[in-house]
Amino acid sequence: ASLGSSAAPSVTGSSSSSSATVGVDWAATRIAAGVGSAEPTISDTPLIGREAEMARLREAREPAWQGRGAVALILGDAGIGKSRLIEALIADALAAGGHVLLGRAWETERILPFGPWVDAFRAGHVVPDLVEDLGPTWRNELARLFPELGSRPGETVAEDYVRLFEAMSRVLERLAGQNPLLVVLEDLHWAD
């Protein structure tokens, strides 16, 4: 399914009982948002003519707010309002009591694994506070992406991306377990 026209961002997706899938690719404007008390930079300009897209994004968000998760994709040509739509989505999520993590992929950092996720976790001040209560195995895995966590002496971590993915997943589960969570990853076409 697709909403919008060629002159508007389109929100696509489908849903099931356990998740909704909607897709995300937007313009390069960075929105400064963090977790909890961090205030995002949101435009004072009202969002006009995007009621259908916002309704679709809210519909996709509802399963996540109920603990089932959802993924959203916003597609469109440069300059048609994707970033502004994302600003409205972030403001809406914060107003609904959610936490927001915002990360971005950069062309110059294409080779960094999990780059947008690392950016989101750092901007949202997730590391090191949230990972303190993870076991040493998962902290060591995360230390591959966040050197400030340090690795425990005598423990080596093999290049196992499945374990690293699991460690990242555990952090997201803990964070989402505290409050509803919106994770925004911008410019994914530059990601690893």
N, C-alpha and C. Protein backbone atom coordinates (compact mmCIF):
# COMPACT_ATOMS: atom_id res chain seq x y z
N ALA A 1 0.85 -1.18 0.00
CA ALA A 1 0.00 0.00 0.00
C ALA A 1 0.88 1.22 0.00
N SER A 2 0.38 2.29 -0.56
CA SER A 2 1.16 3.51 -0.65
C SER A 2 0.25 4.70 -0.47
N LEU A 3 0.67 5.67 0.34
CA LEU A 3 -0.08 6.89 0.52
C LEU A 3 0.68 8.02 -0.13
N GLY A 4 -0.03 9.04 -0.56
CA GLY A 4 0.65 10.20 -1.13
C GLY A 4 0.68 10.13 -2.64
N SER A 5 1.26 11.16 -3.22
CA SER A 5 1.41 11.22 -4.66
C SER A 5 2.88 11.42 -4.96
N SER A 6 3.21 11.58 -6.22
CA SER A 6 4.61 11.79 -6.56
C SER A 6 5.13 13.10 -5.99
N ALA A 7 4.24 14.01 -5.60
CA ALA A 7 4.65 15.29 -5.02
C ALA A 7 4.64 15.27 -3.50
N ALA A 8 4.40 14.10 -2.89
CA ALA A 8 4.36 14.00 -1.43
C ALA A 8 5.11 12.76 -1.01
N PRO A 9 5.65 12.76 0.21
CA PRO A 9 6.30 11.55 0.70
C PRO A 9 5.27 10.43 0.77
N SER A 10 5.68 9.22 0.50
CA SER A 10 4.74 8.12 0.63
C SER A 10 5.15 7.25 1.80
N VAL A 11 4.14 6.77 2.51
CA VAL A 11 4.34 5.87 3.62
C VAL A 11 3.80 4.54 3.17
N THR A 12 4.66 3.53 3.17
CA THR A 12 4.23 2.23 2.70
C THR A 12 4.30 1.23 3.82
N GLY A 13 3.51 0.18 3.70
CA GLY A 13 3.64 -0.85 4.71
C GLY A 13 2.48 -1.82 4.74
N SER A 14 2.65 -2.78 5.61
CA SER A 14 1.64 -3.78 5.89
C SER A 14 1.76 -4.08 7.37
N SER A 15 0.80 -4.78 7.91
CA SER A 15 0.89 -5.10 9.32
C SER A 15 0.41 -6.52 9.56
N SER A 16 0.83 -7.05 10.71
CA SER A 16 0.39 -8.36 11.16
C SER A 16 0.05 -8.22 12.63
N SER A 17 -0.33 -9.31 13.26
CA SER A 17 -0.69 -9.24 14.67
C SER A 17 0.50 -8.91 15.56
N SER A 18 1.72 -9.22 15.11
CA SER A 18 2.87 -8.97 15.97
C SER A 18 3.65 -7.72 15.58
N SER A 19 3.50 -7.22 14.39
CA SER A 19 4.22 -6.00 14.02
C SER A 19 3.58 -5.34 12.82
N ALA A 20 3.91 -4.09 12.66
CA ALA A 20 3.52 -3.36 11.47
C ALA A 20 4.80 -3.02 10.74
N THR A 21 4.77 -3.08 9.45
CA THR A 21 5.96 -2.74 8.68
C THR A 21 5.64 -1.56 7.79
N VAL A 22 6.40 -0.53 7.98
CA VAL A 22 6.25 0.68 7.18
C VAL A 22 7.69 1.07 6.85
N GLY A 23 8.09 1.56 5.81
CA GLY A 23 9.46 1.78 5.46
C GLY A 23 10.03 3.20 5.66
N VAL A 24 11.51 3.62 5.83
CA VAL A 24 11.98 5.01 6.09
C VAL A 24 13.23 5.44 5.31
N ASP A 25 13.11 6.44 4.46
CA ASP A 25 14.26 7.05 3.78
C ASP A 25 13.92 8.51 3.62
N TRP A 26 14.62 9.41 4.28
CA TRP A 26 14.28 10.83 4.20
C TRP A 26 15.49 11.68 3.93
N ALA A 27 15.21 12.99 3.77
CA ALA A 27 16.24 13.95 3.38
C ALA A 27 17.29 14.13 4.46
N ALA A 28 18.33 14.88 4.14
CA ALA A 28 19.51 14.97 4.99
C ALA A 28 19.40 15.92 6.17
N THR A 29 18.29 16.61 6.35
CA THR A 29 18.18 17.53 7.48
C THR A 29 18.19 16.75 8.78
N ARG A 30 19.07 17.13 9.70
CA ARG A 30 19.19 16.43 10.98
C ARG A 30 18.23 17.05 11.99
N ILE A 31 17.51 16.21 12.70
CA ILE A 31 16.62 16.65 13.76
C ILE A 31 17.29 16.26 15.06
N ALA A 32 17.51 17.20 15.93
CA ALA A 32 18.18 16.90 17.20
C ALA A 32 17.13 16.41 18.19
N ALA A 33 17.16 15.12 18.51
CA ALA A 33 16.24 14.56 19.49
C ALA A 33 16.99 13.57 20.35
N GLY A 34 16.59 13.46 21.57
CA GLY A 34 17.25 12.53 22.49
C GLY A 34 16.23 11.71 23.23
N VAL A 35 16.66 11.08 24.28
CA VAL A 35 15.79 10.24 25.08
C VAL A 35 15.23 11.07 26.22
N GLY A 36 13.97 10.84 26.54
CA GLY A 36 13.37 11.41 27.73
C GLY A 36 13.33 12.92 27.73
N SER A 37 14.14 13.54 28.58
CA SER A 37 14.05 14.97 28.80
C SER A 37 14.68 15.80 27.69
N ALA A 38 15.45 15.20 26.81
CA ALA A 38 16.07 15.99 25.74
C ALA A 38 14.97 16.51 24.82
N GLU A 39 15.01 17.78 24.54
CA GLU A 39 14.00 18.41 23.70
C GLU A 39 14.44 18.39 22.24
N PRO A 40 13.61 17.88 21.35
CA PRO A 40 13.97 17.88 19.93
C PRO A 40 13.83 19.28 19.35
N THR A 41 14.53 19.51 18.26
CA THR A 41 14.34 20.73 17.50
C THR A 41 13.21 20.45 16.53
N ILE A 42 12.07 21.03 16.81
CA ILE A 42 10.87 20.79 16.01
C ILE A 42 10.43 22.12 15.43
N SER A 43 10.03 22.10 14.19
CA SER A 43 9.60 23.31 13.50
C SER A 43 8.34 23.88 14.15
N ASP A 44 8.26 25.20 14.22
CA ASP A 44 7.05 25.87 14.69
C ASP A 44 6.00 25.95 13.58
N THR A 45 6.41 25.66 12.38
CA THR A 45 5.51 25.70 11.23
C THR A 45 4.57 24.50 11.28
N PRO A 46 3.27 24.72 11.15
CA PRO A 46 2.35 23.59 11.17
C PRO A 46 2.56 22.68 9.96
N LEU A 47 2.31 21.41 10.15
CA LEU A 47 2.39 20.43 9.07
C LEU A 47 1.08 20.52 8.28
N ILE A 48 1.18 20.86 7.02
CA ILE A 48 -0.02 21.07 6.20
C ILE A 48 -0.05 20.04 5.07
N GLY A 49 -1.22 19.46 4.87
CA GLY A 49 -1.43 18.56 3.74
C GLY A 49 -0.83 17.17 3.92
N ARG A 50 -0.51 16.80 5.12
CA ARG A 50 0.09 15.48 5.37
C ARG A 50 -0.72 14.68 6.39
N GLU A 51 -2.01 14.97 6.49
CA GLU A 51 -2.85 14.29 7.46
C GLU A 51 -2.90 12.79 7.21
N ALA A 52 -3.01 12.40 5.96
CA ALA A 52 -3.09 10.97 5.64
C ALA A 52 -1.80 10.24 6.00
N GLU A 53 -0.66 10.87 5.70
CA GLU A 53 0.63 10.25 6.02
C GLU A 53 0.83 10.15 7.54
N MET A 54 0.46 11.23 8.27
CA MET A 54 0.60 11.19 9.73
C MET A 54 -0.33 10.14 10.33
N ALA A 55 -1.53 10.03 9.80
CA ALA A 55 -2.46 9.02 10.30
C ALA A 55 -1.89 7.61 10.09
N ARG A 56 -1.28 7.40 8.94
CA ARG A 56 -0.68 6.10 8.64
C ARG A 56 0.49 5.81 9.58
N LEU A 57 1.32 6.83 9.85
CA LEU A 57 2.44 6.65 10.78
C LEU A 57 1.96 6.41 12.20
N ARG A 58 0.92 7.10 12.63
CA ARG A 58 0.36 6.85 13.97
C ARG A 58 -0.20 5.44 14.05
N GLU A 59 -0.85 5.01 12.99
CA GLU A 59 -1.41 3.65 12.95
C GLU A 59 -0.29 2.61 13.06
N ALA A 60 0.82 2.85 12.40
CA ALA A 60 1.96 1.94 12.48
C ALA A 60 2.62 1.99 13.85
N ARG A 61 2.54 3.15 14.52
CA ARG A 61 3.16 3.31 15.83
C ARG A 61 2.40 2.59 16.93
N GLU A 62 1.11 2.44 16.80
CA GLU A 62 0.28 1.87 17.86
C GLU A 62 0.76 0.49 18.34
N PRO A 63 1.09 -0.46 17.45
CA PRO A 63 1.60 -1.74 17.96
C PRO A 63 2.88 -1.58 18.79
N ALA A 64 3.72 -0.65 18.40
CA ALA A 64 4.96 -0.42 19.15
C ALA A 64 4.64 0.12 20.53
N TRP A 65 3.67 1.01 20.61
CA TRP A 65 3.30 1.59 21.90
C TRP A 65 2.67 0.53 22.80
N GLN A 66 2.22 -0.58 22.21
CA GLN A 66 1.63 -1.68 22.97
C GLN A 66 2.62 -2.82 23.15
N GLY A 67 3.89 -2.59 22.80
CA GLY A 67 4.93 -3.58 23.03
C GLY A 67 5.16 -4.59 21.91
N ARG A 68 4.57 -4.40 20.75
CA ARG A 68 4.72 -5.35 19.66
C ARG A 68 5.67 -4.90 18.56
N GLY A 69 6.09 -3.68 18.55
CA GLY A 69 7.07 -3.21 17.57
C GLY A 69 6.48 -2.90 16.21
N ALA A 70 7.15 -2.02 15.51
CA ALA A 70 6.77 -1.63 14.16
C ALA A 70 7.97 -0.98 13.49
N VAL A 71 8.00 -1.01 12.18
CA VAL A 71 9.05 -0.38 11.40
C VAL A 71 8.36 0.49 10.36
N ALA A 72 8.89 1.70 10.13
CA ALA A 72 8.27 2.61 9.17
C ALA A 72 9.27 3.03 8.11
N LEU A 73 8.81 3.18 6.88
CA LEU A 73 9.64 3.64 5.76
C LEU A 73 8.94 4.80 5.08
N ILE A 74 9.62 5.92 4.99
CA ILE A 74 9.08 7.09 4.30
C ILE A 74 9.95 7.31 3.07
N LEU A 75 9.32 7.30 1.93
CA LEU A 75 10.03 7.42 0.66
C LEU A 75 9.61 8.67 -0.09
N GLY A 76 10.51 9.21 -0.89
CA GLY A 76 10.15 10.33 -1.74
C GLY A 76 11.38 11.03 -2.27
N ASP A 77 11.17 11.84 -3.27
CA ASP A 77 12.26 12.61 -3.87
C ASP A 77 12.74 13.68 -2.90
N ALA A 78 13.94 14.17 -3.14
CA ALA A 78 14.50 15.23 -2.31
C ALA A 78 13.62 16.47 -2.36
N GLY A 79 13.43 17.09 -1.20
CA GLY A 79 12.73 18.35 -1.13
C GLY A 79 11.22 18.30 -1.06
N ILE A 80 10.63 17.14 -0.86
CA ILE A 80 9.16 17.07 -0.85
C ILE A 80 8.57 17.00 0.55
N GLY A 81 9.41 17.10 1.57
CA GLY A 81 8.87 17.19 2.93
C GLY A 81 9.04 15.98 3.81
N LYS A 82 9.95 15.09 3.45
CA LYS A 82 10.16 13.89 4.28
C LYS A 82 10.68 14.26 5.67
N SER A 83 11.66 15.15 5.71
CA SER A 83 12.23 15.55 7.01
C SER A 83 11.19 16.27 7.86
N ARG A 84 10.37 17.08 7.25
CA ARG A 84 9.33 17.79 8.00
C ARG A 84 8.30 16.81 8.55
N LEU A 85 7.98 15.79 7.77
CA LEU A 85 7.07 14.75 8.23
C LEU A 85 7.68 14.00 9.42
N ILE A 86 8.97 13.74 9.36
CA ILE A 86 9.66 13.07 10.48
C ILE A 86 9.66 13.96 11.71
N GLU A 87 9.88 15.26 11.54
CA GLU A 87 9.80 16.18 12.68
C GLU A 87 8.45 16.08 13.36
N ALA A 88 7.39 16.05 12.56
CA ALA A 88 6.04 15.94 13.11
C ALA A 88 5.84 14.61 13.82
N LEU A 89 6.38 13.55 13.26
CA LEU A 89 6.29 12.23 13.89
C LEU A 89 7.01 12.21 15.24
N ILE A 90 8.19 12.81 15.29
CA ILE A 90 8.95 12.88 16.54
C ILE A 90 8.19 13.69 17.58
N ALA A 91 7.66 14.84 17.18
CA ALA A 91 6.89 15.67 18.11
C ALA A 91 5.67 14.91 18.62
N ASP A 92 5.01 14.19 17.74
CA ASP A 92 3.84 13.40 18.10
C ASP A 92 4.21 12.28 19.08
N ALA A 93 5.32 11.62 18.83
CA ALA A 93 5.77 10.53 19.72
C ALA A 93 6.13 11.07 21.10
N LEU A 94 6.82 12.21 21.15
CA LEU A 94 7.17 12.81 22.44
C LEU A 94 5.92 13.25 23.19
N ALA A 95 4.96 13.84 22.47
CA ALA A 95 3.71 14.27 23.10
C ALA A 95 2.91 13.08 23.64
N ALA A 96 3.08 11.92 23.02
CA ALA A 96 2.38 10.71 23.45
C ALA A 96 3.14 9.98 24.57
N GLY A 97 4.21 10.60 25.08
CA GLY A 97 4.94 10.02 26.21
C GLY A 97 6.05 9.07 25.83
N GLY A 98 6.45 9.05 24.58
CA GLY A 98 7.50 8.14 24.13
C GLY A 98 8.89 8.74 24.25
N HIS A 99 9.87 7.88 24.15
CA HIS A 99 11.28 8.27 24.04
C HIS A 99 11.63 8.24 22.57
N VAL A 100 12.58 9.08 22.17
CA VAL A 100 13.01 9.13 20.77
C VAL A 100 14.53 8.98 20.72
N LEU A 101 14.99 8.07 19.89
CA LEU A 101 16.41 7.95 19.55
C LEU A 101 16.54 8.32 18.09
N LEU A 102 17.49 9.19 17.77
CA LEU A 102 17.69 9.62 16.40
C LEU A 102 19.12 9.36 15.99
N GLY A 103 19.31 8.58 14.94
CA GLY A 103 20.63 8.31 14.40
C GLY A 103 20.63 8.56 12.91
N ARG A 104 21.83 8.68 12.37
CA ARG A 104 21.93 8.98 10.94
C ARG A 104 23.12 8.26 10.34
N ALA A 105 22.95 7.79 9.13
CA ALA A 105 24.06 7.22 8.36
C ALA A 105 24.69 8.36 7.57
N TRP A 106 25.99 8.34 7.47
CA TRP A 106 26.74 9.37 6.75
C TRP A 106 27.52 8.72 5.62
N GLU A 107 27.58 9.38 4.49
CA GLU A 107 28.32 8.86 3.34
C GLU A 107 29.77 8.57 3.70
N THR A 108 30.38 9.44 4.48
CA THR A 108 31.80 9.29 4.81
C THR A 108 32.06 8.20 5.85
N GLU A 109 31.01 7.65 6.44
CA GLU A 109 31.17 6.62 7.47
C GLU A 109 30.53 5.31 7.05
N ARG A 110 30.48 5.04 5.77
CA ARG A 110 29.82 3.85 5.24
C ARG A 110 30.39 2.55 5.78
N ILE A 111 31.67 2.54 6.11
CA ILE A 111 32.30 1.30 6.52
C ILE A 111 32.13 0.98 8.00
N LEU A 112 31.53 1.90 8.75
CA LEU A 112 31.33 1.67 10.18
C LEU A 112 30.12 0.77 10.40
N PRO A 113 30.34 -0.39 11.01
CA PRO A 113 29.20 -1.27 11.26
C PRO A 113 28.22 -0.64 12.26
N PHE A 114 26.96 -0.81 12.00
CA PHE A 114 25.91 -0.30 12.89
C PHE A 114 25.99 1.22 13.07
N GLY A 115 26.56 1.94 12.11
CA GLY A 115 26.78 3.37 12.23
C GLY A 115 25.57 4.19 12.69
N PRO A 116 24.40 4.06 12.04
CA PRO A 116 23.25 4.85 12.47
C PRO A 116 22.79 4.49 13.89
N TRP A 117 22.94 3.22 14.25
CA TRP A 117 22.56 2.77 15.59
C TRP A 117 23.50 3.36 16.63
N VAL A 118 24.79 3.36 16.34
CA VAL A 118 25.77 3.94 17.25
C VAL A 118 25.46 5.43 17.44
N ASP A 119 25.17 6.12 16.35
CA ASP A 119 24.83 7.53 16.41
C ASP A 119 23.59 7.74 17.28
N ALA A 120 22.56 6.92 17.10
CA ALA A 120 21.33 7.05 17.87
C ALA A 120 21.57 6.78 19.35
N PHE A 121 22.33 5.74 19.67
CA PHE A 121 22.60 5.41 21.07
C PHE A 121 23.41 6.50 21.75
N ARG A 122 24.38 7.06 21.04
CA ARG A 122 25.19 8.14 21.63
C ARG A 122 24.36 9.41 21.80
N ALA A 123 23.62 9.80 20.78
CA ALA A 123 22.80 11.02 20.86
C ALA A 123 21.75 10.89 21.95
N GLY A 124 21.24 9.69 22.16
CA GLY A 124 20.22 9.46 23.17
C GLY A 124 20.77 9.15 24.55
N HIS A 125 22.10 9.22 24.69
CA HIS A 125 22.76 8.96 25.98
C HIS A 125 22.42 7.59 26.54
N VAL A 126 22.32 6.60 25.67
CA VAL A 126 22.00 5.24 26.07
C VAL A 126 23.24 4.56 26.66
N VAL A 127 24.40 4.90 26.13
CA VAL A 127 25.66 4.29 26.57
C VAL A 127 26.38 5.33 27.40
N PRO A 128 26.92 4.99 28.54
CA PRO A 128 26.99 3.68 29.16
C PRO A 128 25.86 3.38 30.13
N ASP A 129 25.00 4.36 30.44
CA ASP A 129 24.02 4.20 31.51
C ASP A 129 23.12 2.97 31.36
N LEU A 130 22.48 2.83 30.22
CA LEU A 130 21.51 1.75 30.06
C LEU A 130 22.16 0.38 30.01
N VAL A 131 23.38 0.29 29.54
CA VAL A 131 24.01 -1.02 29.39
C VAL A 131 24.69 -1.49 30.68
N GLU A 132 24.66 -0.66 31.73
CA GLU A 132 25.30 -1.04 33.00
C GLU A 132 24.77 -2.36 33.54
N ASP A 133 23.46 -2.59 33.38
CA ASP A 133 22.88 -3.80 33.96
C ASP A 133 22.91 -5.01 33.03
N LEU A 134 23.55 -4.89 31.87
CA LEU A 134 23.73 -6.05 31.00
C LEU A 134 24.86 -6.91 31.55
N GLY A 135 24.83 -8.18 31.25
CA GLY A 135 25.91 -9.07 31.68
C GLY A 135 27.21 -8.73 30.97
N PRO A 136 28.34 -9.23 31.50
CA PRO A 136 29.65 -8.91 30.92
C PRO A 136 29.80 -9.37 29.47
N THR A 137 29.18 -10.46 29.10
CA THR A 137 29.27 -10.94 27.72
C THR A 137 28.71 -9.89 26.76
N TRP A 138 27.53 -9.35 27.10
CA TRP A 138 26.88 -8.39 26.21
C TRP A 138 27.58 -7.05 26.24
N ARG A 139 28.11 -6.65 27.41
CA ARG A 139 28.89 -5.41 27.48
C ARG A 139 30.13 -5.52 26.61
N ASN A 140 30.79 -6.66 26.63
CA ASN A 140 31.98 -6.85 25.78
C ASN A 140 31.62 -6.77 24.31
N GLU A 141 30.50 -7.34 23.94
CA GLU A 141 30.05 -7.24 22.55
C GLU A 141 29.84 -5.78 22.17
N LEU A 142 29.16 -5.04 23.03
CA LEU A 142 28.88 -3.64 22.75
C LEU A 142 30.14 -2.79 22.75
N ALA A 143 31.16 -3.21 23.48
CA ALA A 143 32.43 -2.46 23.51
C ALA A 143 33.09 -2.44 22.14
N ARG A 144 32.71 -3.35 21.26
CA ARG A 144 33.22 -3.32 19.88
C ARG A 144 32.74 -2.07 19.15
N LEU A 145 31.55 -1.58 19.52
CA LEU A 145 30.99 -0.37 18.90
C LEU A 145 31.18 0.86 19.77
N PHE A 146 31.26 0.65 21.07
CA PHE A 146 31.38 1.73 22.04
C PHE A 146 32.62 1.51 22.89
N PRO A 147 33.78 1.92 22.41
CA PRO A 147 35.03 1.67 23.14
C PRO A 147 35.02 2.21 24.57
N GLU A 148 34.22 3.24 24.83
CA GLU A 148 34.16 3.79 26.18
C GLU A 148 33.65 2.79 27.21
N LEU A 149 33.01 1.70 26.77
CA LEU A 149 32.57 0.66 27.70
C LEU A 149 33.75 -0.17 28.18
N GLY A 150 34.81 -0.22 27.37
CA GLY A 150 35.98 -1.04 27.73
C GLY A 150 35.62 -2.51 27.73
N SER A 151 36.59 -3.35 27.49
CA SER A 151 36.34 -4.79 27.58
C SER A 151 36.96 -5.28 28.87
N ARG A 152 36.42 -6.32 29.38
CA ARG A 152 36.91 -6.91 30.63
C ARG A 152 38.24 -7.61 30.36
N PRO A 153 39.21 -7.44 31.25
CA PRO A 153 40.50 -8.12 31.08
C PRO A 153 40.32 -9.63 30.96
N GLY A 154 41.07 -10.21 30.07
CA GLY A 154 41.03 -11.66 29.89
C GLY A 154 39.90 -12.16 29.01
N GLU A 155 38.99 -11.28 28.61
CA GLU A 155 37.88 -11.69 27.75
C GLU A 155 38.12 -11.15 26.35
N THR A 156 38.07 -12.01 25.38
CA THR A 156 38.20 -11.58 24.00
C THR A 156 36.87 -11.83 23.30
N VAL A 157 36.60 -11.01 22.33
CA VAL A 157 35.34 -11.11 21.59
C VAL A 157 35.67 -11.45 20.15
N ALA A 158 35.11 -12.54 19.68
CA ALA A 158 35.31 -12.93 18.29
C ALA A 158 34.46 -12.05 17.39
N GLU A 159 34.81 -11.97 16.12
CA GLU A 159 34.03 -11.21 15.15
C GLU A 159 32.76 -11.97 14.83
N ASP A 160 31.78 -11.89 15.72
CA ASP A 160 30.51 -12.58 15.55
C ASP A 160 29.42 -11.52 15.54
N TYR A 161 28.93 -11.18 14.36
CA TYR A 161 27.94 -10.13 14.26
C TYR A 161 26.58 -10.57 14.77
N VAL A 162 26.33 -11.86 14.84
CA VAL A 162 25.06 -12.33 15.41
C VAL A 162 25.00 -11.97 16.90
N ARG A 163 26.10 -12.17 17.61
CA ARG A 163 26.15 -11.83 19.04
C ARG A 163 26.08 -10.31 19.23
N LEU A 164 26.72 -9.57 18.36
CA LEU A 164 26.66 -8.11 18.44
C LEU A 164 25.23 -7.63 18.20
N PHE A 165 24.58 -8.21 17.21
CA PHE A 165 23.18 -7.88 16.94
C PHE A 165 22.32 -8.20 18.16
N GLU A 166 22.56 -9.34 18.79
CA GLU A 166 21.81 -9.73 19.99
C GLU A 166 22.04 -8.74 21.13
N ALA A 167 23.27 -8.28 21.30
CA ALA A 167 23.56 -7.29 22.35
C ALA A 167 22.81 -5.99 22.09
N MET A 168 22.81 -5.54 20.84
CA MET A 168 22.08 -4.31 20.49
C MET A 168 20.58 -4.51 20.73
N SER A 169 20.08 -5.67 20.37
CA SER A 169 18.67 -5.99 20.57
C SER A 169 18.29 -5.95 22.05
N ARG A 170 19.16 -6.48 22.90
CA ARG A 170 18.89 -6.47 24.34
C ARG A 170 18.82 -5.04 24.88
N VAL A 171 19.68 -4.16 24.40
CA VAL A 171 19.64 -2.77 24.84
C VAL A 171 18.32 -2.13 24.39
N LEU A 172 17.93 -2.36 23.14
CA LEU A 172 16.66 -1.79 22.65
C LEU A 172 15.47 -2.33 23.44
N GLU A 173 15.49 -3.63 23.76
CA GLU A 173 14.40 -4.21 24.56
C GLU A 173 14.31 -3.56 25.92
N ARG A 174 15.44 -3.34 26.56
CA ARG A 174 15.44 -2.69 27.88
C ARG A 174 14.93 -1.26 27.77
N LEU A 175 15.37 -0.55 26.76
CA LEU A 175 14.95 0.83 26.59
C LEU A 175 13.45 0.91 26.29
N ALA A 176 12.97 0.06 25.40
CA ALA A 176 11.54 0.05 25.05
C ALA A 176 10.69 -0.44 26.22
N GLY A 177 11.28 -1.23 27.11
CA GLY A 177 10.56 -1.70 28.28
C GLY A 177 10.32 -0.60 29.30
N GLN A 178 11.10 0.47 29.24
CA GLN A 178 10.95 1.58 30.17
C GLN A 178 9.81 2.51 29.76
N ASN A 179 9.72 2.81 28.49
CA ASN A 179 8.70 3.69 27.91
C ASN A 179 8.57 3.34 26.44
N PRO A 180 7.44 3.72 25.82
CA PRO A 180 7.35 3.52 24.37
C PRO A 180 8.54 4.20 23.68
N LEU A 181 9.02 3.58 22.61
CA LEU A 181 10.26 4.02 21.97
C LEU A 181 10.06 4.22 20.48
N LEU A 182 10.54 5.36 19.99
CA LEU A 182 10.61 5.62 18.55
C LEU A 182 12.07 5.76 18.20
N VAL A 183 12.56 4.92 17.28
CA VAL A 183 13.93 5.01 16.80
C VAL A 183 13.85 5.52 15.36
N VAL A 184 14.52 6.63 15.10
CA VAL A 184 14.55 7.21 13.75
C VAL A 184 15.97 7.08 13.23
N LEU A 185 16.12 6.42 12.10
CA LEU A 185 17.43 6.27 11.45
C LEU A 185 17.35 6.95 10.08
N GLU A 186 18.09 8.01 9.93
CA GLU A 186 18.04 8.80 8.70
C GLU A 186 19.09 8.34 7.70
N ASP A 187 18.82 8.59 6.43
CA ASP A 187 19.75 8.37 5.32
C ASP A 187 20.33 6.94 5.31
N LEU A 188 19.46 5.96 5.43
CA LEU A 188 19.92 4.57 5.47
C LEU A 188 20.60 4.11 4.20
N HIS A 189 20.41 4.81 3.10
CA HIS A 189 21.08 4.41 1.86
C HIS A 189 22.60 4.52 2.02
N TRP A 190 23.10 5.27 3.04
CA TRP A 190 24.54 5.37 3.28
C TRP A 190 25.03 4.33 4.29
N ALA A 191 24.14 3.55 4.87
CA ALA A 191 24.52 2.61 5.92
C ALA A 191 25.26 1.40 5.36
N ASP A 192 25.98 0.72 6.27
CA ASP A 192 26.75 -0.49 5.91
C ASP A 192 25.83 -1.61 5.47
